[in-house]
Amino acid sequence: MNPVLEANGLTKRFDRVTALENISFKVSGPTIVGLLGKNGCGKTTLIRQLMGLHLPSEGSVSTLGRPGAELGHDELASIGYVPQEIRLLDWMTVGQHIHYVANFYPRWDGEREQRLLDELEIDTEALVGTLSSGNLQKLAIVLAVCHHPQLLVLDEPVSDLDPIVRRKLLELLLELMRDDAATIVVSSHVLRDVEKVVDRVICLDRGRLVTDAALDELKELYAEWLVVSDNGRLPEEFSESFLIAQQGNGREARLLVKDASTELASFSSTHSVSVSVRPLNLEEIFPVLIGEQL
């Protein structure tokens, strides 16, 4: 079976600016992938490559087994997409716009549509052009999921939504993966929400792929050690190779460590210290992935 998404040596340049450089990965579904990175790192450019909206300068990219530039009716009918900048037909009512889009999809699910309209409290009589940014995001999500997409791509889908609606959206994503066997790519800065649903993290930094790993693996790899001296002062600086960052005051230290679970006993014995281990969440791990320590 072909991967749902695949990039091989993908590079994209705009004049003299390299937005993506030598990106390679494969995504097989069903799964939920968190696409992370700072503003300007290349996330939206990568998404536009996957959607066939940009052509690679070098390398290749395929979606649902087809090169991005060759996506046909069958592939496009199996994709749901919520772009960062949502542009809909302002002069239509919400209900008219939904009906217009539904006509393009033979598998449009009217029951799912109505349930989402009710849960998200969307007024179908309102003109699209009068919607707030949050309600516009809600409408874009409805338009992207009611045809049971095999691939759903969300570029900052929750930035203008309140916490209650964000929770409902996360529940919807899990439902889509479970019921539709969908593969979902979520690009978002709200990492605490992303962490609740993603299985895998793809992280970009300045156009390069810096991390491609299961979320569980990342959470096992990184940790914070709170170190207290048992009988004296701590060294001014620890020199162990697994340390990423450290700060302290002579009696206590806070250490950021990588892949150090098997080193804990020997570290405690060597330095005569007590160590409390605290797992890191995705929001705390993210700066480490892009080289910005806690």
C-alpha atoms as a PDB file:
ATOM      1  CA  MET A   1       0.000   0.000   0.000  1.00  0.00           C
ATOM      2  CA  ASN A   2       1.301   3.448  -0.921  1.00  0.00           C
ATOM      3  CA  PRO A   3       1.983   5.931   1.885  1.00  0.00           C
ATOM      4  CA  VAL A   4      -0.708   8.561   2.317  1.00  0.00           C
ATOM      5  CA  LEU A   5       2.009  11.236   2.187  1.00  0.00           C
ATOM      6  CA  GLU A   6       5.598  10.986   1.016  1.00  0.00           C
ATOM      7  CA  ALA A   7       8.394  13.465   0.382  1.00  0.00           C
ATOM      8  CA  ASN A   8      11.817  12.596  -1.024  1.00  0.00           C
ATOM      9  CA  GLY A   9      14.503  15.266  -1.068  1.00  0.00           C
ATOM     10  CA  LEU A  10      11.805  17.931  -1.313  1.00  0.00           C
ATOM     11  CA  THR A  11      13.243  21.399  -1.838  1.00  0.00           C
ATOM     12  CA  LYS A  12      11.279  24.551  -2.611  1.00  0.00           C
ATOM     13  CA  ARG A  13      12.818  27.892  -3.531  1.00  0.00           C
ATOM     14  CA  PHE A  14      11.181  31.236  -4.129  1.00  0.00           C
ATOM     15  CA  ASP A  15      13.699  33.274  -6.111  1.00  0.00           C
ATOM     16  CA  ARG A  16      16.744  33.302  -3.794  1.00  0.00           C
ATOM     17  CA  VAL A  17      14.865  32.171  -0.685  1.00  0.00           C
ATOM     18  CA  THR A  18      14.916  28.459   0.173  1.00  0.00           C
ATOM     19  CA  ALA A  19      11.656  27.721   1.999  1.00  0.00           C
ATOM     20  CA  LEU A  20      12.176  23.936   2.219  1.00  0.00           C
ATOM     21  CA  GLU A  21      15.452  22.065   1.937  1.00  0.00           C
ATOM     22  CA  ASN A  22      15.874  18.328   1.347  1.00  0.00           C
ATOM     23  CA  ILE A  23      12.769  17.183   3.225  1.00  0.00           C
ATOM     24  CA  SER A  24      12.077  13.428   3.304  1.00  0.00           C
ATOM     25  CA  PHE A  25       9.400  11.474   5.189  1.00  0.00           C
ATOM     26  CA  LYS A  26       6.592   8.960   4.787  1.00  0.00           C
ATOM     27  CA  VAL A  27       3.222   8.945   6.512  1.00  0.00           C
ATOM     28  CA  SER A  28       0.973   5.891   6.456  1.00  0.00           C
ATOM     29  CA  GLY A  29      -2.455   6.002   8.011  1.00  0.00           C
ATOM     30  CA  PRO A  30      -4.637   6.109   9.850  1.00  0.00           C
ATOM     31  CA  THR A  31      -2.754   8.472  12.140  1.00  0.00           C
ATOM     32  CA  ILE A  32      -2.682  12.052  13.384  1.00  0.00           C
ATOM     33  CA  VAL A  33       0.519  13.990  12.685  1.00  0.00           C
ATOM     34  CA  GLY A  34       1.465  17.245  14.367  1.00  0.00           C
ATOM     35  CA  LEU A  35       3.405  19.536  12.015  1.00  0.00           C
ATOM     36  CA  LEU A  36       5.381  21.888  14.251  1.00  0.00           C
ATOM     37  CA  GLY A  37       7.737  24.806  13.801  1.00  0.00           C
ATOM     38  CA  LYS A  38       8.092  28.520  14.407  1.00  0.00           C
ATOM     39  CA  ASN A  39       6.484  31.069  12.110  1.00  0.00           C
ATOM     40  CA  GLY A  40       8.323  31.153   8.794  1.00  0.00           C
ATOM     41  CA  CYS A  41       9.870  27.695   9.198  1.00  0.00           C
ATOM     42  CA  GLY A  42       8.153  26.289   6.080  1.00  0.00           C
ATOM     43  CA  LYS A  43       5.060  24.539   7.486  1.00  0.00           C
ATOM     44  CA  THR A  44       2.534  26.225   5.209  1.00  0.00           C
ATOM     45  CA  THR A  45       4.834  25.827   2.205  1.00  0.00           C
ATOM     46  CA  LEU A  46       5.078  22.109   2.929  1.00  0.00           C
ATOM     47  CA  ILE A  47       1.307  21.834   3.240  1.00  0.00           C
ATOM     48  CA  ARG A  48       0.849  23.619  -0.081  1.00  0.00           C
ATOM     49  CA  GLN A  49       3.281  21.151  -1.651  1.00  0.00           C
ATOM     50  CA  LEU A  50       1.251  18.234  -0.311  1.00  0.00           C
ATOM     51  CA  MET A  51      -1.942  19.790  -1.671  1.00  0.00           C
ATOM     52  CA  GLY A  52      -0.430  20.243  -5.145  1.00  0.00           C
ATOM     53  CA  LEU A  53      -0.620  24.043  -4.878  1.00  0.00           C
ATOM     54  CA  HIS A  54       3.166  24.435  -5.275  1.00  0.00           C
ATOM     55  CA  LEU A  55       5.580  22.404  -7.379  1.00  0.00           C
ATOM     56  CA  PRO A  56       8.937  21.268  -5.926  1.00  0.00           C
ATOM     57  CA  SER A  57      12.102  22.997  -7.060  1.00  0.00           C
ATOM     58  CA  GLU A  58      13.902  19.703  -6.444  1.00  0.00           C
ATOM     59  CA  GLY A  59      12.897  16.272  -5.188  1.00  0.00           C
ATOM     60  CA  SER A  60       9.370  14.916  -5.136  1.00  0.00           C
ATOM     61  CA  VAL A  61       6.191  14.827  -3.083  1.00  0.00           C
ATOM     62  CA  SER A  62       3.175  12.537  -3.380  1.00  0.00           C
ATOM     63  CA  THR A  63      -0.273  12.548  -1.785  1.00  0.00           C
ATOM     64  CA  LEU A  64      -2.531   9.492  -1.733  1.00  0.00           C
ATOM     65  CA  GLY A  65      -0.042   7.768  -4.027  1.00  0.00           C
ATOM     66  CA  ARG A  66       0.019  10.502  -6.702  1.00  0.00           C
ATOM     67  CA  PRO A  67       2.527  13.323  -7.296  1.00  0.00           C
ATOM     68  CA  GLY A  68       1.157  16.570  -5.943  1.00  0.00           C
ATOM     69  CA  ALA A  69       1.007  18.117  -9.413  1.00  0.00           C
ATOM     70  CA  GLU A  70      -1.041  15.175 -10.727  1.00  0.00           C
ATOM     71  CA  LEU A  71      -3.779  14.976  -8.115  1.00  0.00           C
ATOM     72  CA  GLY A  72      -6.982  14.108  -9.942  1.00  0.00           C
ATOM     73  CA  HIS A  73     -10.673  14.141  -9.100  1.00  0.00           C
ATOM     74  CA  ASP A  74     -10.542  10.937  -7.030  1.00  0.00           C
ATOM     75  CA  GLU A  75      -7.669  12.164  -4.874  1.00  0.00           C
ATOM     76  CA  LEU A  76      -9.064  15.677  -4.425  1.00  0.00           C
ATOM     77  CA  ALA A  77     -12.441  14.219  -3.438  1.00  0.00           C
ATOM     78  CA  SER A  78     -10.644  12.285  -0.684  1.00  0.00           C
ATOM     79  CA  ILE A  79      -8.920  15.324   0.837  1.00  0.00           C
ATOM     80  CA  GLY A  80     -10.210  17.838   3.366  1.00  0.00           C
ATOM     81  CA  TYR A  81      -8.250  21.063   3.736  1.00  0.00           C
ATOM     82  CA  VAL A  82      -8.533  24.022   6.106  1.00  0.00           C
ATOM     83  CA  PRO A  83      -5.963  26.642   5.017  1.00  0.00           C
ATOM     84  CA  GLN A  84      -4.453  29.216   7.314  1.00  0.00           C
ATOM     85  CA  GLU A  85      -6.074  32.013   5.311  1.00  0.00           C
ATOM     86  CA  ILE A  86      -9.700  31.037   4.763  1.00  0.00           C
ATOM     87  CA  ARG A  87     -11.299  32.471   1.648  1.00  0.00           C
ATOM     88  CA  LEU A  88     -14.932  31.616   1.029  1.00  0.00           C
ATOM     89  CA  LEU A  89     -17.788  33.186  -0.956  1.00  0.00           C
ATOM     90  CA  ASP A  90     -18.734  36.182   1.194  1.00  0.00           C
ATOM     91  CA  TRP A  91     -22.033  36.901  -0.539  1.00  0.00           C
ATOM     92  CA  MET A  92     -23.545  33.480   0.234  1.00  0.00           C
ATOM     93  CA  THR A  93     -25.242  32.515   3.451  1.00  0.00           C
ATOM     94  CA  VAL A  94     -23.589  29.773   5.473  1.00  0.00           C
ATOM     95  CA  GLY A  95     -26.306  27.323   4.447  1.00  0.00           C
ATOM     96  CA  GLN A  96     -25.957  28.202   0.759  1.00  0.00           C
ATOM     97  CA  HIS A  97     -22.180  27.798   0.903  1.00  0.00           C
ATOM     98  CA  ILE A  98     -22.446  24.389   2.544  1.00  0.00           C
ATOM     99  CA  HIS A  99     -24.996  23.267  -0.078  1.00  0.00           C
ATOM    100  CA  TYR A 100     -22.744  24.576  -2.869  1.00  0.00           C
ATOM    101  CA  VAL A 101     -19.693  22.663  -1.603  1.00  0.00           C
ATOM    102  CA  ALA A 102     -21.691  19.509  -0.820  1.00  0.00           C
ATOM    103  CA  ASN A 103     -22.679  19.196  -4.490  1.00  0.00           C
ATOM    104  CA  PHE A 104     -19.053  18.421  -5.368  1.00  0.00           C
ATOM    105  CA  TYR A 105     -18.862  15.404  -3.037  1.00  0.00           C
ATOM    106  CA  PRO A 106     -20.954  12.255  -3.645  1.00  0.00           C
ATOM    107  CA  ARG A 107     -20.160  11.051  -0.097  1.00  0.00           C
ATOM    108  CA  TRP A 108     -21.316  14.214   1.648  1.00  0.00           C
ATOM    109  CA  ASP A 109     -22.760  13.280   5.037  1.00  0.00           C
ATOM    110  CA  GLY A 110     -25.787  15.422   5.833  1.00  0.00           C
ATOM    111  CA  GLU A 111     -26.124  13.958   9.317  1.00  0.00           C
ATOM    112  CA  ARG A 112     -22.536  14.836  10.207  1.00  0.00           C
ATOM    113  CA  GLU A 113     -23.098  18.309   8.750  1.00  0.00           C
ATOM    114  CA  GLN A 114     -26.152  18.941  10.916  1.00  0.00           C
ATOM    115  CA  ARG A 115     -24.503  17.553  14.037  1.00  0.00           C
ATOM    116  CA  LEU A 116     -21.495  19.837  13.589  1.00  0.00           C
ATOM    117  CA  LEU A 117     -23.660  22.857  12.859  1.00  0.00           C
ATOM    118  CA  ASP A 118     -25.491  22.205  16.113  1.00  0.00           C
ATOM    119  CA  GLU A 119     -22.413  21.416  18.223  1.00  0.00           C
ATOM    120  CA  LEU A 120     -20.402  24.364  16.883  1.00  0.00           C
ATOM    121  CA  GLU A 121     -23.431  26.685  17.044  1.00  0.00           C
ATOM    122  CA  ILE A 122     -23.135  27.931  13.467  1.00  0.00           C
ATOM    123  CA  ASP A 123     -25.941  30.135  12.141  1.00  0.00           C
ATOM    124  CA  THR A 124     -26.777  28.903   8.634  1.00  0.00           C
ATOM    125  CA  GLU A 125     -28.699  32.127   7.862  1.00  0.00           C
ATOM    126  CA  ALA A 126     -25.696  34.384   8.462  1.00  0.00           C
ATOM    127  CA  LEU A 127     -23.804  35.793   5.506  1.00  0.00           C
ATOM    128  CA  VAL A 128     -20.331  34.278   5.208  1.00  0.00           C
ATOM    129  CA  GLY A 129     -18.867  37.757   4.860  1.00  0.00           C
ATOM    130  CA  THR A 130     -20.230  38.781   8.271  1.00  0.00           C
ATOM    131  CA  LEU A 131     -18.737  35.855  10.210  1.00  0.00           C
ATOM    132  CA  SER A 132     -16.136  36.407  12.907  1.00  0.00           C
ATOM    133  CA  SER A 133     -12.754  34.777  12.367  1.00  0.00           C
ATOM    134  CA  GLY A 134     -13.678  32.044  14.841  1.00  0.00           C
ATOM    135  CA  ASN A 135     -16.981  31.234  13.135  1.00  0.00           C
ATOM    136  CA  LEU A 136     -15.238  31.308   9.769  1.00  0.00           C
ATOM    137  CA  GLN A 137     -12.840  28.652  11.069  1.00  0.00           C
ATOM    138  CA  LYS A 138     -15.780  26.579  12.292  1.00  0.00           C
ATOM    139  CA  LEU A 139     -17.421  26.749   8.864  1.00  0.00           C
ATOM    140  CA  ALA A 140     -14.172  25.815   7.105  1.00  0.00           C
ATOM    141  CA  ILE A 141     -13.871  22.760   9.347  1.00  0.00           C
ATOM    142  CA  VAL A 142     -17.437  21.659   8.518  1.00  0.00           C
ATOM    143  CA  LEU A 143     -16.708  22.036   4.797  1.00  0.00           C
ATOM    144  CA  ALA A 144     -13.517  19.986   5.176  1.00  0.00           C
ATOM    145  CA  VAL A 145     -14.848  16.945   7.041  1.00  0.00           C
ATOM    146  CA  CYS A 146     -18.416  16.172   5.944  1.00  0.00           C
ATOM    147  CA  HIS A 147     -17.351  14.192   2.867  1.00  0.00           C
ATOM    148  CA  HIS A 148     -15.415  11.648   4.982  1.00  0.00           C
ATOM    149  CA  PRO A 149     -11.928  12.566   3.731  1.00  0.00           C
ATOM    150  CA  GLN A 150      -9.176   9.984   3.692  1.00  0.00           C
ATOM    151  CA  LEU A 151      -6.694  12.809   4.305  1.00  0.00           C
ATOM    152  CA  LEU A 152      -7.470  15.905   6.381  1.00  0.00           C
ATOM    153  CA  VAL A 153      -4.975  18.772   6.445  1.00  0.00           C
ATOM    154  CA  LEU A 154      -5.472  21.558   8.981  1.00  0.00           C
ATOM    155  CA  ASP A 155      -3.224  24.631   8.899  1.00  0.00           C
ATOM    156  CA  GLU A 156      -3.673  26.491  12.217  1.00  0.00           C
ATOM    157  CA  PRO A 157      -7.307  25.382  12.589  1.00  0.00           C
ATOM    158  CA  VAL A 158      -7.873  26.449  16.215  1.00  0.00           C
ATOM    159  CA  SER A 159      -6.101  29.799  16.495  1.00  0.00           C
ATOM    160  CA  ASP A 160      -9.354  31.781  16.812  1.00  0.00           C
ATOM    161  CA  LEU A 161     -11.475  29.206  18.633  1.00  0.00           C
ATOM    162  CA  ASP A 162     -12.378  29.285  22.309  1.00  0.00           C
ATOM    163  CA  PRO A 163     -11.317  26.374  24.573  1.00  0.00           C
ATOM    164  CA  ILE A 164     -14.723  24.667  24.468  1.00  0.00           C
ATOM    165  CA  VAL A 165     -14.806  24.623  20.663  1.00  0.00           C
ATOM    166  CA  ARG A 166     -11.168  23.502  20.538  1.00  0.00           C
ATOM    167  CA  ARG A 167     -12.066  20.530  22.724  1.00  0.00           C
ATOM    168  CA  LYS A 168     -14.949  19.645  20.401  1.00  0.00           C
ATOM    169  CA  LEU A 169     -12.613  19.856  17.422  1.00  0.00           C
ATOM    170  CA  LEU A 170     -10.102  17.521  19.050  1.00  0.00           C
ATOM    171  CA  GLU A 171     -12.880  15.028  19.737  1.00  0.00           C
ATOM    172  CA  LEU A 172     -13.898  15.302  16.082  1.00  0.00           C
ATOM    173  CA  LEU A 173     -10.361  14.550  14.902  1.00  0.00           C
ATOM    174  CA  LEU A 174     -10.218  11.397  16.986  1.00  0.00           C
ATOM    175  CA  GLU A 175     -13.620  10.401  15.621  1.00  0.00           C
ATOM    176  CA  LEU A 176     -12.439  10.900  12.034  1.00  0.00           C
ATOM    177  CA  MET A 177      -9.359   8.769  12.548  1.00  0.00           C
ATOM    178  CA  ARG A 178     -11.380   6.035  14.243  1.00  0.00           C
ATOM    179  CA  ASP A 179     -14.500   5.949  12.052  1.00  0.00           C
ATOM    180  CA  ASP A 180     -13.103   7.026   8.678  1.00  0.00           C
ATOM    181  CA  ALA A 181      -9.573   5.563   9.060  1.00  0.00           C
ATOM    182  CA  ALA A 182      -8.386   9.051   8.134  1.00  0.00           C
ATOM    183  CA  THR A 183      -4.869  10.414   8.188  1.00  0.00           C
ATOM    184  CA  ILE A 184      -4.807  13.898   9.701  1.00  0.00           C
ATOM    185  CA  VAL A 185      -2.070  16.537   9.568  1.00  0.00           C
ATOM    186  CA  VAL A 186      -2.444  19.374  12.089  1.00  0.00           C
ATOM    187  CA  SER A 187      -0.213  22.430  12.009  1.00  0.00           C
ATOM    188  CA  SER A 188      -0.785  24.451  15.161  1.00  0.00           C
ATOM    189  CA  HIS A 189       0.924  26.633  17.739  1.00  0.00           C
ATOM    190  CA  VAL A 190      -1.475  25.462  20.449  1.00  0.00           C
ATOM    191  CA  LEU A 191       0.780  22.591  21.483  1.00  0.00           C
ATOM    192  CA  ARG A 192      -1.189  21.566  24.554  1.00  0.00           C
ATOM    193  CA  ASP A 193      -4.142  20.816  22.295  1.00  0.00           C
ATOM    194  CA  VAL A 194      -1.995  19.089  19.671  1.00  0.00           C
ATOM    195  CA  GLU A 195      -0.454  16.833  22.293  1.00  0.00           C
ATOM    196  CA  LYS A 196      -3.874  15.445  23.208  1.00  0.00           C
ATOM    197  CA  VAL A 197      -4.439  13.895  19.777  1.00  0.00           C
ATOM    198  CA  VAL A 198      -1.246  13.462  17.734  1.00  0.00           C
ATOM    199  CA  ASP A 199       0.580  10.158  17.346  1.00  0.00           C
ATOM    200  CA  ARG A 200       3.586  11.568  15.537  1.00  0.00           C
ATOM    201  CA  VAL A 201       5.529  14.822  15.378  1.00  0.00           C
ATOM    202  CA  ILE A 202       7.177  16.282  12.287  1.00  0.00           C
ATOM    203  CA  CYS A 203       9.105  19.421  13.202  1.00  0.00           C
ATOM    204  CA  LEU A 204      10.644  21.944  10.823  1.00  0.00           C
ATOM    205  CA  ASP A 205      13.195  24.625  11.575  1.00  0.00           C
ATOM    206  CA  ARG A 206      14.262  27.158   8.963  1.00  0.00           C
ATOM    207  CA  GLY A 207      13.031  24.942   6.151  1.00  0.00           C
ATOM    208  CA  ARG A 208      14.722  21.767   7.334  1.00  0.00           C
ATOM    209  CA  LEU A 209      13.305  18.642   8.922  1.00  0.00           C
ATOM    210  CA  VAL A 210      14.725  18.435  12.447  1.00  0.00           C
ATOM    211  CA  THR A 211      12.436  15.800  14.005  1.00  0.00           C
ATOM    212  CA  ASP A 212      10.234  13.001  12.716  1.00  0.00           C
ATOM    213  CA  ALA A 213       9.241  10.734  15.594  1.00  0.00           C
ATOM    214  CA  ALA A 214       6.350   9.238  17.499  1.00  0.00           C
ATOM    215  CA  LEU A 215       5.168  11.515  20.300  1.00  0.00           C
ATOM    216  CA  ASP A 216       5.587   8.723  22.853  1.00  0.00           C
ATOM    217  CA  GLU A 217       9.223   8.294  21.784  1.00  0.00           C
ATOM    218  CA  LEU A 218       9.908  12.008  22.247  1.00  0.00           C
ATOM    219  CA  LYS A 219       8.340  12.011  25.699  1.00  0.00           C
ATOM    220  CA  GLU A 220      10.504   9.046  26.716  1.00  0.00           C
ATOM    221  CA  LEU A 221      13.626  10.658  25.237  1.00  0.00           C
ATOM    222  CA  TYR A 222      13.544  13.992  27.079  1.00  0.00           C
ATOM    223  CA  ALA A 223      13.098  14.727  30.776  1.00  0.00           C
ATOM    224  CA  GLU A 224      13.881  17.237  33.488  1.00  0.00           C
ATOM    225  CA  TRP A 225      15.962  16.138  36.472  1.00  0.00           C
ATOM    226  CA  LEU A 226      15.627  18.062  39.724  1.00  0.00           C
ATOM    227  CA  VAL A 227      18.903  17.413  41.544  1.00  0.00           C
ATOM    228  CA  VAL A 228      19.549  17.995  45.271  1.00  0.00           C
ATOM    229  CA  SER A 229      22.872  17.411  47.020  1.00  0.00           C
ATOM    230  CA  ASP A 230      22.802  14.780  49.767  1.00  0.00           C
ATOM    231  CA  ASN A 231      25.809  15.988  51.761  1.00  0.00           C
ATOM    232  CA  GLY A 232      27.317  19.149  50.319  1.00  0.00           C
ATOM    233  CA  ARG A 233      27.444  21.512  47.373  1.00  0.00           C
ATOM    234  CA  LEU A 234      26.813  20.505  43.806  1.00  0.00           C
ATOM    235  CA  PRO A 235      29.467  20.969  41.139  1.00  0.00           C
ATOM    236  CA  GLU A 236      29.341  24.336  39.440  1.00  0.00           C
ATOM    237  CA  GLU A 237      28.682  22.472  36.226  1.00  0.00           C
ATOM    238  CA  PHE A 238      27.918  18.858  35.327  1.00  0.00           C
ATOM    239  CA  SER A 239      29.750  17.451  32.316  1.00  0.00           C
ATOM    240  CA  GLU A 240      27.731  14.345  31.400  1.00  0.00           C
ATOM    241  CA  SER A 241      27.165  13.932  27.659  1.00  0.00           C
ATOM    242  CA  PHE A 242      23.403  13.438  28.019  1.00  0.00           C
ATOM    243  CA  LEU A 243      22.890  16.935  29.453  1.00  0.00           C
ATOM    244  CA  ILE A 244      21.269  19.501  27.188  1.00  0.00           C
ATOM    245  CA  ALA A 245      20.942  22.397  29.636  1.00  0.00           C
ATOM    246  CA  GLN A 246      21.472  23.047  33.319  1.00  0.00           C
ATOM    247  CA  GLN A 247      20.970  25.714  35.933  1.00  0.00           C
ATOM    248  CA  GLY A 248      21.359  25.695  39.700  1.00  0.00           C
ATOM    249  CA  ASN A 249      22.465  27.418  42.884  1.00  0.00           C
ATOM    250  CA  GLY A 250      25.007  25.088  44.491  1.00  0.00           C
ATOM    251  CA  ARG A 251      22.545  22.952  46.437  1.00  0.00           C
ATOM    252  CA  GLU A 252      19.881  22.361  43.803  1.00  0.00           C
ATOM    253  CA  ALA A 253      20.021  22.054  40.057  1.00  0.00           C
ATOM    254  CA  ARG A 254      17.573  21.719  37.216  1.00  0.00           C
ATOM    255  CA  LEU A 255      18.906  19.585  34.377  1.00  0.00           C
ATOM    256  CA  LEU A 256      17.427  18.996  30.939  1.00  0.00           C
ATOM    257  CA  VAL A 257      18.501  15.543  29.774  1.00  0.00           C
ATOM    258  CA  LYS A 258      18.199  13.447  26.648  1.00  0.00           C
ATOM    259  CA  ASP A 259      18.061   9.647  26.568  1.00  0.00           C
ATOM    260  CA  ALA A 260      19.343   9.400  30.137  1.00  0.00           C
ATOM    261  CA  SER A 261      16.996   6.970  31.897  1.00  0.00           C
ATOM    262  CA  THR A 262      19.680   4.287  32.179  1.00  0.00           C
ATOM    263  CA  GLU A 263      22.175   6.838  33.549  1.00  0.00           C
ATOM    264  CA  LEU A 264      20.154   7.897  36.570  1.00  0.00           C
ATOM    265  CA  ALA A 265      21.549   5.445  39.134  1.00  0.00           C
ATOM    266  CA  SER A 266      25.207   6.016  38.238  1.00  0.00           C
ATOM    267  CA  PHE A 267      24.710   9.810  38.125  1.00  0.00           C
ATOM    268  CA  SER A 268      23.158   9.808  41.601  1.00  0.00           C
ATOM    269  CA  SER A 269      25.970   7.654  43.001  1.00  0.00           C
ATOM    270  CA  THR A 270      28.789   9.581  41.351  1.00  0.00           C
ATOM    271  CA  HIS A 271      27.617  12.973  42.592  1.00  0.00           C
ATOM    272  CA  SER A 272      25.953  11.884  45.877  1.00  0.00           C
ATOM    273  CA  VAL A 273      22.681  13.471  44.908  1.00  0.00           C
ATOM    274  CA  SER A 274      18.969  12.731  44.961  1.00  0.00           C
ATOM    275  CA  VAL A 275      17.187  13.092  41.638  1.00  0.00           C
ATOM    276  CA  SER A 276      13.503  13.600  40.927  1.00  0.00           C
ATOM    277  CA  VAL A 277      12.516  12.941  37.319  1.00  0.00           C
ATOM    278  CA  ARG A 278       9.809  15.031  35.685  1.00  0.00           C
ATOM    279  CA  PRO A 279       8.531  14.134  32.194  1.00  0.00           C
ATOM    280  CA  LEU A 280       8.241  16.998  29.725  1.00  0.00           C
ATOM    281  CA  ASN A 281       5.131  17.860  27.752  1.00  0.00           C
ATOM    282  CA  LEU A 282       5.205  18.727  24.055  1.00  0.00           C
ATOM    283  CA  GLU A 283       5.190  22.454  24.758  1.00  0.00           C
ATOM    284  CA  GLU A 284       8.407  22.002  26.770  1.00  0.00           C
ATOM    285  CA  ILE A 285      10.005  19.589  24.295  1.00  0.00           C
ATOM    286  CA  PHE A 286       9.387  21.803  21.264  1.00  0.00           C
ATOM    287  CA  PRO A 287      12.076  24.458  22.042  1.00  0.00           C
ATOM    288  CA  VAL A 288      14.634  21.662  22.410  1.00  0.00           C
ATOM    289  CA  LEU A 289      13.747  20.243  18.987  1.00  0.00           C
ATOM    290  CA  ILE A 290      14.557  23.554  17.322  1.00  0.00           C
ATOM    291  CA  GLY A 291      17.669  24.212  19.393  1.00  0.00           C
ATOM    292  CA  GLU A 292      16.167  26.702  21.830  1.00  0.00           C
ATOM    293  CA  GLN A 293      16.740  25.264  25.293  1.00  0.00           C
ATOM    294  CA  LEU A 294      14.284  25.671  28.160  1.00  0.00           C
END
